[in-house]
Amino acid sequence: MPLPQILNQLRKRPRQESATTSTAVSPPGPTVNTILQQNIVHYNDEHPFPFVMDSEFPAEGYRSRFGDTKTAIHWGQRKLLLSEMQLLSHYARPGVSYHIVYAGSAPGTHLGFLDDITNCIHTWELVDPGQFDRDVLGPRKNFLLRNEFFTNATAYGINATRLSALKGLRAVYEHVALDSVATEKSEIHARLDGIIGHLDVARGTTDIPSIYETPLTLPVGLNTLCQVAMERKPLLFVSDIRSGSVELPNFEEHVVENMKAQQAWTEILQGDFAMLKFRLPYTSKATGPGGAGAVASKLIDDDGCVEYLGGDMVLPIWTRPTSTEGRLVVPRGTGRIRYNVQRVEDQFFFFNAKLREHYHFNHILSPHVVLDNHFDGAAEVNCLREFCTFMDARLTAPGMKNKLIAAIEAMSTRITVQLKLDFEAAVRRRDAIVLKQARLGLRVVDEEGGEDVEGPSSLAQVVVVPTTAFVSWEADARRMMDQAAKERLRPIWWGNLTLPASSSPSTATTVTTPTPWRSVPVPSTYL
């Protein structure tokens, strides 16, 4: 069946996966006469689906994308949940019960759902000064909620608890480690103590609550013995901490100190794997419109590098359209490496500007009414496919394809219902934020901030302009949203492609990349 007919059928199909009543995307505001369609490259199915940003991942030098069509949507809580599912399906052992220590986990509402779909086999220790959803998490016997800041002392205390079955060894560890580390509250923690348990405790202060503390150097023999003993209950460490907000003048210092703090906790806990929020300092910070007045960062070494733990930089799903933040999965015992900051920035630019906007991916659910063939839709399908087969290996057997498809679609639907935000609602919310900023005379130059925060705090740089320019900027915003809505509706994004063995460059539309990275040109007949 031709793709346009498939798309029409999909648009007429009753929506079952949505948690809210919604209609098809209606581009707001005036239409434009000329819609600039994206050039498209089909990702070569012979290669594995892109999962990590490694040394072979392409890079492209930064340029302003203001005026570009951006179809990618930020779906924050969904992004966070999918990353946690990736940690389990890619790195955990099937059927093994882990103790999951989670720093920066409040409110944690979705973790109850994650616990359910993993059959409640894990124990959870959630540490955050913010407000937990105790209605959801409180009744769960396998959850421990700790309303406090995570520190080195927290990590050493968790290790001591893991040695509870060996009382003698625990006593020695407590004497050597806990008695030597500072356990009294820091000055800033003491000042914030009165609002512990409220939302966003750490976001409104220029002081940095999660700051690096040098770990202790334990005797090698004791450390090795304790590590062997603690393997009785394998541990996963997850960190999603972020203090400060982008409006603060020292936000970059917050980012760096948060990164260093979670690195220390990873090295202390020595779990099987750690999944850390990862964002390097920017190479420069603009002080004027359009990147003008850029000031070089003082947080990067003279060689342009930053030292940090090695690991897998997992490509985010449904992240912000211009985000340079990912998740770093660190195996136990991994040493530190040097990251070239400019290279990583350029790789994220390729990821956001090209892979998420111009690359077409086939996937097992296509054609699907919500999960199209852009990167994010296909990446969710790929993530859920791996999670479903991780939880039930029988789905990988021959003849189980239809059951696997049903399991993936059911899981995607359950996630939407759980998070109470469908794709079209995410689009509308994003568009509303952009319009609000335009009406206030704030042009969004770049975006950053918390993963699930929507609103003014998500702006890394805004430029205030005279009132006379407001109308023009609102018109620009509406034009770009109109283009994005129309681009999403192009038939090519709503079905798998079966391409000929070779495509003549003269009959193909393609994207210029540093190399023909895992791609096949799309014949113009498909466009």
Protein backbone atom coordinates (compact mmCIF):
# COMPACT_ATOMS: atom_id res chain seq x y z
CA MET A 1 0.00 0.00 0.00
CA PRO A 2 1.44 3.45 -0.86
CA LEU A 3 2.68 5.46 2.12
CA PRO A 4 0.16 8.31 1.68
CA GLN A 5 -2.73 5.81 1.96
CA ILE A 6 -1.14 4.23 5.03
CA LEU A 7 -0.79 7.67 6.61
CA ASN A 8 -4.44 8.50 5.90
CA GLN A 9 -5.56 5.23 7.50
CA LEU A 10 -3.40 5.91 10.54
CA ARG A 11 -4.87 9.37 10.93
CA LYS A 12 -8.39 7.90 10.89
CA ARG A 13 -7.59 5.13 13.36
CA PRO A 14 -9.02 5.66 16.88
CA ARG A 15 -6.35 6.73 19.32
CA GLN A 16 -5.88 4.10 22.05
CA GLU A 17 -2.43 4.85 23.33
CA SER A 18 -3.17 8.38 24.53
CA ALA A 19 -3.84 9.15 28.16
CA THR A 20 -5.63 12.36 27.27
CA THR A 21 -8.19 13.34 24.69
CA SER A 22 -6.33 14.93 21.79
CA THR A 23 -6.69 15.67 18.13
CA ALA A 24 -4.29 15.68 15.21
CA VAL A 25 -1.59 18.33 15.24
CA SER A 26 -3.04 21.68 14.19
CA PRO A 27 -0.26 24.11 13.26
CA PRO A 28 -0.94 27.34 15.14
CA GLY A 29 -0.98 30.77 13.59
CA PRO A 30 -0.70 31.87 10.00
CA THR A 31 0.57 29.51 7.33
CA VAL A 32 3.57 30.23 5.13
CA ASN A 33 3.63 30.12 1.36
CA THR A 34 6.79 28.05 1.08
CA ILE A 35 7.53 25.10 3.36
CA LEU A 36 11.20 24.18 3.43
CA GLN A 37 11.15 20.40 3.46
CA GLN A 38 13.96 18.55 5.18
CA ASN A 39 16.46 16.60 3.11
CA ILE A 40 16.32 12.95 4.11
CA VAL A 41 18.81 10.11 4.42
CA HIS A 42 17.74 6.55 5.20
CA TYR A 43 19.77 4.83 7.93
CA ASN A 44 21.30 1.63 6.56
CA ASP A 45 19.44 -1.31 8.13
CA GLU A 46 22.56 -3.47 7.83
CA HIS A 47 24.08 -1.58 10.76
CA PRO A 48 22.98 -1.82 14.41
CA PHE A 49 20.62 0.91 15.58
CA PRO A 50 22.73 3.82 16.93
CA PHE A 51 22.88 3.51 20.70
CA VAL A 52 26.06 5.21 21.93
CA MET A 53 28.05 8.29 20.99
CA ASP A 54 31.49 6.72 20.56
CA SER A 55 34.69 7.83 18.81
CA GLU A 56 33.23 6.86 15.42
CA PHE A 57 30.08 8.92 15.88
CA PRO A 58 30.06 11.84 13.40
CA ALA A 59 30.61 15.45 14.40
CA GLU A 60 29.61 18.70 12.75
CA GLY A 61 30.69 22.22 13.68
CA TYR A 62 28.13 24.31 15.51
CA ARG A 63 26.06 26.91 13.70
CA SER A 64 22.98 28.79 14.80
CA ARG A 65 19.82 26.80 14.04
CA PHE A 66 17.50 29.74 14.53
CA GLY A 67 15.12 29.61 11.58
CA ASP A 68 15.70 25.89 10.98
CA THR A 69 12.75 23.51 11.04
CA LYS A 70 12.95 21.54 14.29
CA THR A 71 10.58 18.58 14.43
CA ALA A 72 12.22 16.95 17.47
CA ILE A 73 10.14 17.12 20.63
CA HIS A 74 11.28 17.17 24.26
CA TRP A 75 9.28 14.58 26.22
CA GLY A 76 11.15 14.84 29.51
CA GLN A 77 9.69 12.25 31.87
CA ARG A 78 9.42 9.74 29.02
CA LYS A 79 13.08 10.35 28.18
CA LEU A 80 14.09 9.69 31.78
CA LEU A 81 12.07 6.47 32.05
CA LEU A 82 13.41 5.12 28.74
CA SER A 83 17.00 5.76 29.86
CA GLU A 84 16.37 3.75 33.04
CA MET A 85 14.87 0.93 30.98
CA GLN A 86 17.97 1.02 28.76
CA LEU A 87 20.22 0.69 31.82
CA LEU A 88 18.42 -2.47 32.87
CA SER A 89 18.00 -4.11 29.46
CA HIS A 90 21.53 -3.37 28.21
CA TYR A 91 23.63 -3.75 31.34
CA ALA A 92 21.80 -5.70 34.06
CA ARG A 93 21.62 -9.49 34.17
CA PRO A 94 18.19 -11.01 33.49
CA GLY A 95 16.41 -12.25 36.60
CA VAL A 96 19.00 -10.80 39.01
CA SER A 97 17.81 -8.65 41.91
CA TYR A 98 19.80 -5.41 42.21
CA HIS A 99 19.97 -2.78 44.90
CA ILE A 100 19.44 0.45 42.94
CA VAL A 101 20.79 3.60 44.59
CA TYR A 102 19.33 6.70 42.94
CA ALA A 103 20.64 10.20 43.70
CA GLY A 104 18.40 13.05 42.54
CA SER A 105 15.35 10.83 42.18
CA ALA A 106 12.49 12.98 43.51
CA PRO A 107 9.57 12.97 42.99
CA GLY A 108 10.08 9.46 41.58
CA THR A 109 6.45 8.87 40.58
CA HIS A 110 7.41 6.92 37.47
CA LEU A 111 9.74 4.64 39.46
CA GLY A 112 6.70 2.84 40.85
CA PHE A 113 5.78 1.99 37.27
CA LEU A 114 9.35 0.87 36.49
CA ASP A 115 9.25 -1.31 39.60
CA ASP A 116 6.02 -2.92 38.39
CA ILE A 117 7.26 -3.71 34.88
CA THR A 118 10.41 -5.31 36.34
CA ASN A 119 8.24 -7.54 38.57
CA CYS A 120 9.32 -5.72 41.77
CA ILE A 121 12.51 -7.81 42.01
CA HIS A 122 14.84 -4.91 42.85
CA THR A 123 15.32 -2.90 46.03
CA TRP A 124 15.49 0.88 45.69
CA GLU A 125 17.24 3.50 47.82
CA LEU A 126 16.19 6.96 46.67
CA VAL A 127 18.17 9.95 47.96
CA ASP A 128 17.02 13.50 47.23
CA PRO A 129 16.36 16.65 49.29
CA GLY A 130 13.25 17.31 47.19
CA GLN A 131 9.69 16.12 47.62
CA PHE A 132 8.99 12.43 46.95
CA ASP A 133 5.65 11.13 45.73
CA ARG A 134 4.97 9.23 48.93
CA ASP A 135 1.45 8.27 47.87
CA VAL A 136 2.98 6.14 45.11
CA LEU A 137 6.29 5.08 46.64
CA GLY A 138 5.51 5.05 50.37
CA PRO A 139 3.52 1.76 50.42
CA ARG A 140 6.22 -0.13 48.50
CA LYS A 141 8.22 -2.28 50.92
CA ASN A 142 11.21 -2.50 48.54
CA PHE A 143 11.69 1.30 48.49
CA LEU A 144 13.71 3.36 50.99
CA LEU A 145 13.13 7.12 50.67
CA ARG A 146 15.83 9.41 52.10
CA ASN A 147 15.08 13.13 52.13
CA GLU A 148 18.64 14.46 52.22
CA PHE A 149 21.53 15.59 50.06
CA PHE A 150 23.77 12.84 48.71
CA THR A 151 27.36 13.15 49.98
CA ASN A 152 30.47 11.00 50.27
CA ALA A 153 29.28 10.02 53.74
CA THR A 154 26.02 8.78 52.18
CA ALA A 155 27.97 6.53 49.82
CA TYR A 156 30.19 5.12 52.59
CA GLY A 157 27.12 4.51 54.74
CA ILE A 158 25.43 2.57 51.92
CA ASN A 159 28.55 0.42 51.58
CA ALA A 160 28.54 -0.29 55.31
CA THR A 161 24.88 -1.36 55.15
CA ARG A 162 25.70 -3.75 52.31
CA LEU A 163 28.14 -5.48 54.68
CA SER A 164 25.45 -6.10 57.33
CA ALA A 165 25.63 -9.89 56.93
CA LEU A 166 29.32 -9.79 57.91
CA LYS A 167 29.27 -7.91 61.20
CA GLY A 168 33.00 -8.02 61.83
CA LEU A 169 33.90 -6.71 58.39
CA ARG A 170 31.23 -4.04 58.66
CA ALA A 171 32.66 -2.85 61.98
CA VAL A 172 36.13 -2.54 60.47
CA TYR A 173 34.79 -0.69 57.43
CA GLU A 174 32.80 1.72 59.58
CA HIS A 175 35.88 2.42 61.71
CA VAL A 176 38.16 3.04 58.74
CA ALA A 177 35.69 4.80 56.42
CA LEU A 178 32.69 6.27 58.23
CA ASP A 179 34.68 7.47 61.23
CA SER A 180 37.11 9.26 58.90
CA VAL A 181 34.70 11.04 56.57
CA ALA A 182 32.94 14.27 57.45
CA THR A 183 29.39 13.41 58.50
CA GLU A 184 28.30 16.78 59.84
CA LYS A 185 26.16 18.88 57.53
CA SER A 186 27.94 21.47 55.43
CA GLU A 187 27.02 25.12 55.91
CA ILE A 188 24.82 25.20 52.81
CA HIS A 189 23.08 21.93 53.70
CA ALA A 190 22.34 23.31 57.15
CA ARG A 191 20.90 26.49 55.62
CA LEU A 192 18.66 24.50 53.28
CA ASP A 193 17.60 22.07 55.98
CA GLY A 194 14.36 23.92 56.64
CA ILE A 195 13.02 23.30 53.13
CA ILE A 196 14.09 19.66 52.77
CA GLY A 197 11.18 17.71 51.32
CA HIS A 198 9.91 20.57 49.18
CA LEU A 199 10.13 20.78 45.39
CA ASP A 200 13.40 21.93 43.77
CA VAL A 201 15.34 22.53 46.98
CA ALA A 202 18.65 22.81 45.13
CA ARG A 203 17.59 24.88 42.11
CA GLY A 204 17.16 28.38 43.46
CA THR A 205 20.50 29.01 45.13
CA THR A 206 23.80 30.26 43.72
CA ASP A 207 25.54 28.11 46.34
CA ILE A 208 26.31 24.59 45.12
CA PRO A 209 24.88 21.88 47.42
CA SER A 210 26.39 18.89 45.56
CA ILE A 211 30.08 19.74 45.49
CA TYR A 212 33.11 17.51 45.02
CA GLU A 213 34.66 15.95 48.13
CA THR A 214 37.88 13.95 47.82
CA PRO A 215 37.19 10.24 48.51
CA LEU A 216 39.17 8.44 51.20
CA THR A 217 42.08 6.19 50.29
CA LEU A 218 41.22 2.88 51.95
CA PRO A 219 43.75 0.09 52.53
CA VAL A 220 43.89 -2.01 49.34
CA GLY A 221 43.26 -5.28 51.14
CA LEU A 222 40.25 -3.97 53.04
CA ASN A 223 38.79 -2.35 49.94
CA THR A 224 39.14 -5.57 47.91
CA LEU A 225 37.65 -7.71 50.69
CA CYS A 226 34.70 -5.37 51.06
CA GLN A 227 34.06 -5.30 47.31
CA VAL A 228 33.92 -9.09 47.19
CA ALA A 229 31.57 -9.19 50.18
CA MET A 230 29.27 -6.50 48.75
CA GLU A 231 28.79 -8.50 45.55
CA ARG A 232 26.35 -10.68 47.50
CA LYS A 233 23.80 -8.05 46.48
CA PRO A 234 24.81 -6.39 43.18
CA LEU A 235 24.33 -2.63 43.02
CA LEU A 236 23.41 -0.15 40.30
CA PHE A 237 23.98 3.55 40.91
CA VAL A 238 21.95 6.21 39.09
CA SER A 239 22.55 9.94 39.40
CA ASP A 240 20.22 12.60 38.04
CA ILE A 241 21.36 15.46 40.26
CA ARG A 242 21.33 19.04 39.07
CA SER A 243 21.52 22.09 41.28
CA GLY A 244 21.10 25.70 40.27
CA SER A 245 19.18 26.99 37.25
CA VAL A 246 20.29 28.48 33.96
CA GLU A 247 19.38 32.02 35.02
CA LEU A 248 22.11 31.92 37.67
CA PRO A 249 25.47 33.48 36.72
CA ASN A 250 27.36 30.44 38.04
CA PHE A 251 25.21 27.72 36.47
CA GLU A 252 28.20 26.25 34.61
CA GLU A 253 30.02 25.92 37.93
CA HIS A 254 26.99 24.02 39.26
CA VAL A 255 27.21 21.63 36.30
CA VAL A 256 30.94 20.98 36.80
CA GLU A 257 30.70 20.42 40.56
CA ASN A 258 27.67 18.14 40.17
CA MET A 259 29.62 16.10 37.61
CA LYS A 260 32.65 15.80 39.90
CA ALA A 261 30.50 14.91 42.92
CA GLN A 262 28.72 12.02 41.18
CA GLN A 263 32.09 10.81 39.88
CA ALA A 264 33.34 10.53 43.47
CA TRP A 265 30.19 8.65 44.56
CA THR A 266 30.60 6.23 41.65
CA GLU A 267 34.18 5.50 42.68
CA ILE A 268 33.15 4.96 46.31
CA LEU A 269 30.12 2.73 45.66
CA GLN A 270 31.77 0.61 42.95
CA GLY A 271 28.46 -0.82 41.78
CA ASP A 272 28.24 -3.09 38.76
CA PHE A 273 27.28 -0.06 36.68
CA ALA A 274 26.59 3.62 37.26
CA MET A 275 24.41 5.77 35.01
CA LEU A 276 25.32 9.43 35.39
CA LYS A 277 23.89 12.66 34.03
CA PHE A 278 26.63 13.87 31.71
CA ARG A 279 27.13 17.36 30.34
CA LEU A 280 30.53 18.91 29.74
CA PRO A 281 31.07 22.66 30.24
CA TYR A 282 30.49 24.73 27.13
CA THR A 283 33.63 25.88 25.31
CA SER A 284 32.36 29.45 25.46
CA LYS A 285 29.44 31.46 26.73
CA ALA A 286 27.75 34.12 24.62
CA THR A 287 27.11 37.50 26.22
CA GLY A 288 25.05 38.96 23.39
CA PRO A 289 22.52 38.09 20.69
CA GLY A 290 23.28 35.32 18.21
CA GLY A 291 26.35 34.12 20.09
CA ALA A 292 28.01 37.54 20.10
CA GLY A 293 30.58 38.43 22.72
CA ALA A 294 31.55 34.81 23.38
CA VAL A 295 33.74 34.36 26.44
CA ALA A 296 35.98 31.30 26.65
CA SER A 297 35.18 28.89 29.47
CA LYS A 298 37.58 28.77 32.41
CA LEU A 299 36.36 25.28 33.32
CA ILE A 300 38.24 23.50 30.52
CA ASP A 301 41.93 22.58 30.53
CA ASP A 302 44.37 24.36 28.22
CA ASP A 303 44.33 21.43 25.78
CA GLY A 304 40.57 21.79 25.34
CA CYS A 305 39.83 18.64 27.34
CA VAL A 306 38.12 17.64 30.58
CA GLU A 307 39.02 14.50 32.53
CA TYR A 308 36.14 12.27 33.54
CA LEU A 309 35.12 8.64 33.93
CA GLY A 310 35.01 6.58 30.76
CA GLY A 311 31.96 4.61 29.72
CA ASP A 312 29.15 4.45 27.18
CA MET A 313 27.60 7.78 26.23
CA VAL A 314 24.04 6.61 25.56
CA LEU A 315 22.18 8.65 22.96
CA PRO A 316 19.14 10.30 24.60
CA ILE A 317 15.60 9.69 23.36
CA TRP A 318 13.08 12.57 23.29
CA THR A 319 15.64 15.05 24.63
CA ARG A 320 15.56 18.80 24.02
CA PRO A 321 16.06 19.81 20.37
CA THR A 322 19.46 21.38 21.11
CA SER A 323 20.57 19.56 24.26
CA THR A 324 24.20 18.56 24.82
CA GLU A 325 23.33 16.38 27.80
CA GLY A 326 23.36 12.60 27.80
CA ARG A 327 23.65 9.61 30.10
CA LEU A 328 27.05 8.03 30.75
CA VAL A 329 26.98 4.36 31.77
CA VAL A 330 30.16 3.46 33.68
CA PRO A 331 31.15 -0.17 34.34
CA ARG A 332 32.82 -0.92 37.68
CA GLY A 333 36.55 -0.27 37.67
CA THR A 334 36.51 2.04 34.66
CA GLY A 335 39.26 4.63 34.78
CA ARG A 336 39.17 8.24 33.73
CA ILE A 337 39.69 9.48 30.19
CA ARG A 338 40.07 12.89 28.60
CA TYR A 339 37.10 14.24 26.67
CA ASN A 340 37.74 16.84 23.97
CA VAL A 341 34.95 19.28 24.75
CA GLN A 342 34.74 20.78 21.26
CA ARG A 343 34.52 17.31 19.72
CA VAL A 344 31.68 16.28 22.05
CA GLU A 345 29.80 19.54 21.37
CA ASP A 346 30.12 18.92 17.63
CA GLN A 347 28.93 15.33 18.00
CA PHE A 348 25.84 16.50 19.86
CA PHE A 349 25.24 19.09 17.15
CA PHE A 350 25.29 16.35 14.50
CA PHE A 351 22.99 14.24 16.67
CA ASN A 352 20.40 17.01 17.11
CA ALA A 353 20.65 18.82 13.78
CA LYS A 354 21.11 15.83 11.47
CA LEU A 355 20.41 12.43 13.02
CA ARG A 356 17.17 13.48 14.73
CA GLU A 357 15.92 15.68 11.88
CA HIS A 358 17.13 14.20 8.59
CA TYR A 359 17.67 10.47 9.11
CA HIS A 360 14.88 7.98 8.38
CA PHE A 361 14.85 4.72 10.39
CA ASN A 362 12.84 1.58 9.77
CA HIS A 363 11.33 -0.05 12.85
CA ILE A 364 9.19 -3.05 13.70
CA LEU A 365 6.00 -1.10 14.58
CA SER A 366 5.94 1.03 11.46
CA PRO A 367 3.53 2.36 10.35
CA HIS A 368 2.45 3.58 13.78
CA VAL A 369 0.10 6.42 14.65
CA VAL A 370 2.53 8.11 17.09
CA LEU A 371 6.00 6.59 16.78
CA ASP A 372 7.10 7.76 13.35
CA ASN A 373 10.35 7.00 11.52
CA HIS A 374 12.42 9.86 12.89
CA PHE A 375 15.21 8.89 15.30
CA ASP A 376 13.23 9.44 18.51
CA GLY A 377 10.23 7.37 17.48
CA ALA A 378 12.41 4.55 16.14
CA ALA A 379 14.71 4.73 19.17
CA GLU A 380 11.76 4.29 21.54
CA VAL A 381 10.62 1.24 19.58
CA ASN A 382 14.15 -0.17 19.66
CA CYS A 383 14.44 0.51 23.42
CA LEU A 384 11.09 -1.16 24.17
CA ARG A 385 11.94 -4.11 21.93
CA GLU A 386 15.12 -4.76 23.88
CA PHE A 387 13.37 -4.28 27.22
CA CYS A 388 10.52 -6.65 26.34
CA THR A 389 12.92 -9.37 25.20
CA PHE A 390 15.08 -8.76 28.28
CA MET A 391 12.08 -9.40 30.50
CA ASP A 392 10.79 -12.34 28.41
CA ALA A 393 13.41 -14.12 26.30
CA ARG A 394 10.68 -16.22 24.68
CA LEU A 395 9.80 -13.21 22.52
CA THR A 396 13.05 -13.71 20.58
CA ALA A 397 12.04 -17.19 19.38
CA PRO A 398 11.06 -17.84 15.75
CA GLY A 399 7.37 -17.32 15.12
CA MET A 400 7.00 -14.82 17.99
CA LYS A 401 7.19 -11.63 15.92
CA ASN A 402 3.50 -10.77 16.25
CA LYS A 403 3.59 -11.27 20.02
CA LEU A 404 6.73 -9.14 20.21
CA ILE A 405 5.04 -6.35 18.24
CA ALA A 406 2.01 -6.55 20.53
CA ALA A 407 4.24 -6.42 23.63
CA ILE A 408 6.12 -3.35 22.36
CA GLU A 409 2.94 -1.49 21.44
CA ALA A 410 1.33 -2.37 24.78
CA MET A 411 4.39 -1.12 26.68
CA SER A 412 4.43 2.16 24.76
CA THR A 413 0.74 2.63 25.54
CA ARG A 414 1.26 1.87 29.25
CA ILE A 415 4.05 4.46 29.42
CA THR A 416 1.81 7.12 27.87
CA VAL A 417 -1.01 6.32 30.28
CA GLN A 418 1.38 6.32 33.25
CA LEU A 419 2.97 9.69 32.37
CA LYS A 420 -0.39 11.27 31.43
CA LEU A 421 1.15 13.11 28.49
CA ASP A 422 0.78 11.99 24.89
CA PHE A 423 2.84 13.13 21.91
CA GLU A 424 0.43 15.78 20.69
CA ALA A 425 0.15 17.24 24.19
CA ALA A 426 3.96 17.37 24.35
CA VAL A 427 3.98 19.24 21.03
CA ARG A 428 1.33 21.70 22.21
CA ARG A 429 3.14 22.34 25.48
CA ARG A 430 6.41 22.95 23.69
CA ASP A 431 4.77 25.31 21.19
CA ALA A 432 3.05 27.22 23.99
CA ILE A 433 6.38 27.79 25.74
CA VAL A 434 8.05 29.06 22.57
CA LEU A 435 5.15 31.45 21.89
CA LYS A 436 5.16 32.72 25.45
CA GLN A 437 8.85 33.55 25.24
CA ALA A 438 8.37 35.29 21.89
CA ARG A 439 5.52 37.41 23.28
CA LEU A 440 7.70 38.42 26.22
CA GLY A 441 10.45 39.49 23.85
CA LEU A 442 12.68 36.54 24.67
CA ARG A 443 14.30 34.86 21.70
CA VAL A 444 15.51 31.37 22.54
CA VAL A 445 19.12 31.04 21.44
CA ASP A 446 19.78 27.69 23.03
CA GLU A 447 18.17 25.36 25.51
CA GLU A 448 19.34 23.49 28.54
CA GLY A 449 18.26 22.81 32.08
CA GLY A 450 16.58 20.01 33.96
CA GLU A 451 15.43 17.03 31.98
CA ASP A 452 11.77 17.26 32.92
CA VAL A 453 11.46 20.97 33.58
CA GLU A 454 9.35 23.05 31.22
CA GLY A 455 9.29 26.81 31.38
CA PRO A 456 11.55 29.84 31.55
CA SER A 457 14.15 27.96 33.60
CA SER A 458 14.88 25.84 30.53
CA LEU A 459 16.51 28.71 28.66
CA ALA A 460 20.30 28.80 28.55
CA GLN A 461 20.43 32.17 26.84
CA VAL A 462 17.67 34.66 26.17
CA VAL A 463 17.93 38.09 24.62
CA VAL A 464 15.61 40.87 25.75
CA VAL A 465 14.66 43.26 22.94
CA PRO A 466 12.55 46.38 22.46
CA THR A 467 8.78 45.95 22.28
CA THR A 468 8.75 46.84 18.56
CA ALA A 469 10.39 43.51 17.73
CA PHE A 470 7.91 41.34 19.68
CA VAL A 471 5.42 40.97 16.83
CA SER A 472 8.13 39.92 14.39
CA TRP A 473 9.51 37.29 16.77
CA GLU A 474 6.09 35.86 17.50
CA ALA A 475 5.49 35.60 13.74
CA ASP A 476 8.85 33.85 13.36
CA ALA A 477 7.94 31.40 16.11
CA ARG A 478 4.58 30.61 14.51
CA ARG A 479 6.20 30.15 11.11
CA MET A 480 8.74 27.67 12.48
CA MET A 481 6.07 25.73 14.38
CA ASP A 482 3.95 25.63 11.24
CA GLN A 483 6.87 24.24 9.25
CA ALA A 484 7.67 21.64 11.92
CA ALA A 485 4.05 20.42 12.00
CA LYS A 486 3.96 20.04 8.22
CA GLU A 487 7.33 18.30 8.14
CA ARG A 488 6.14 15.73 10.69
CA LEU A 489 3.15 14.93 8.46
CA ARG A 490 5.18 14.10 5.36
CA PRO A 491 4.30 10.53 4.30
CA ILE A 492 7.92 9.40 4.22
CA TRP A 493 8.09 9.71 8.03
CA TRP A 494 5.19 7.30 8.49
CA GLY A 495 6.40 4.03 7.04
CA ASN A 496 9.37 1.76 6.47
CA LEU A 497 11.39 2.04 3.27
CA THR A 498 12.57 -0.84 1.12
CA LEU A 499 15.30 0.64 -1.03
CA PRO A 500 16.96 -0.81 -4.12
CA ALA A 501 20.40 -2.35 -3.72
CA SER A 502 21.99 0.88 -4.91
CA SER A 503 20.64 4.37 -5.40
CA SER A 504 22.04 6.62 -8.07
CA PRO A 505 23.23 9.91 -6.58
CA SER A 506 21.57 11.71 -9.48
CA THR A 507 18.13 10.47 -8.41
CA ALA A 508 18.53 10.86 -4.66
CA THR A 509 18.11 13.56 -2.07
CA THR A 510 20.73 13.33 0.64
CA VAL A 511 22.36 15.22 3.49
CA THR A 512 25.98 16.24 3.39
CA THR A 513 27.82 14.61 6.30
CA PRO A 514 31.54 14.23 7.10
CA THR A 515 31.28 10.64 5.87
CA PRO A 516 28.40 8.64 4.36
CA TRP A 517 27.76 7.45 7.90
CA ARG A 518 25.69 4.27 7.84
CA SER A 519 23.27 5.84 5.37
CA VAL A 520 21.60 5.12 2.05
CA PRO A 521 20.34 7.99 -0.15
CA VAL A 522 16.56 8.11 -0.49
CA PRO A 523 15.41 7.99 -4.13
CA SER A 524 13.43 11.10 -5.03
CA THR A 525 10.42 8.93 -5.93
CA TYR A 526 9.88 8.35 -2.18
CA LEU A 527 9.87 12.06 -1.48
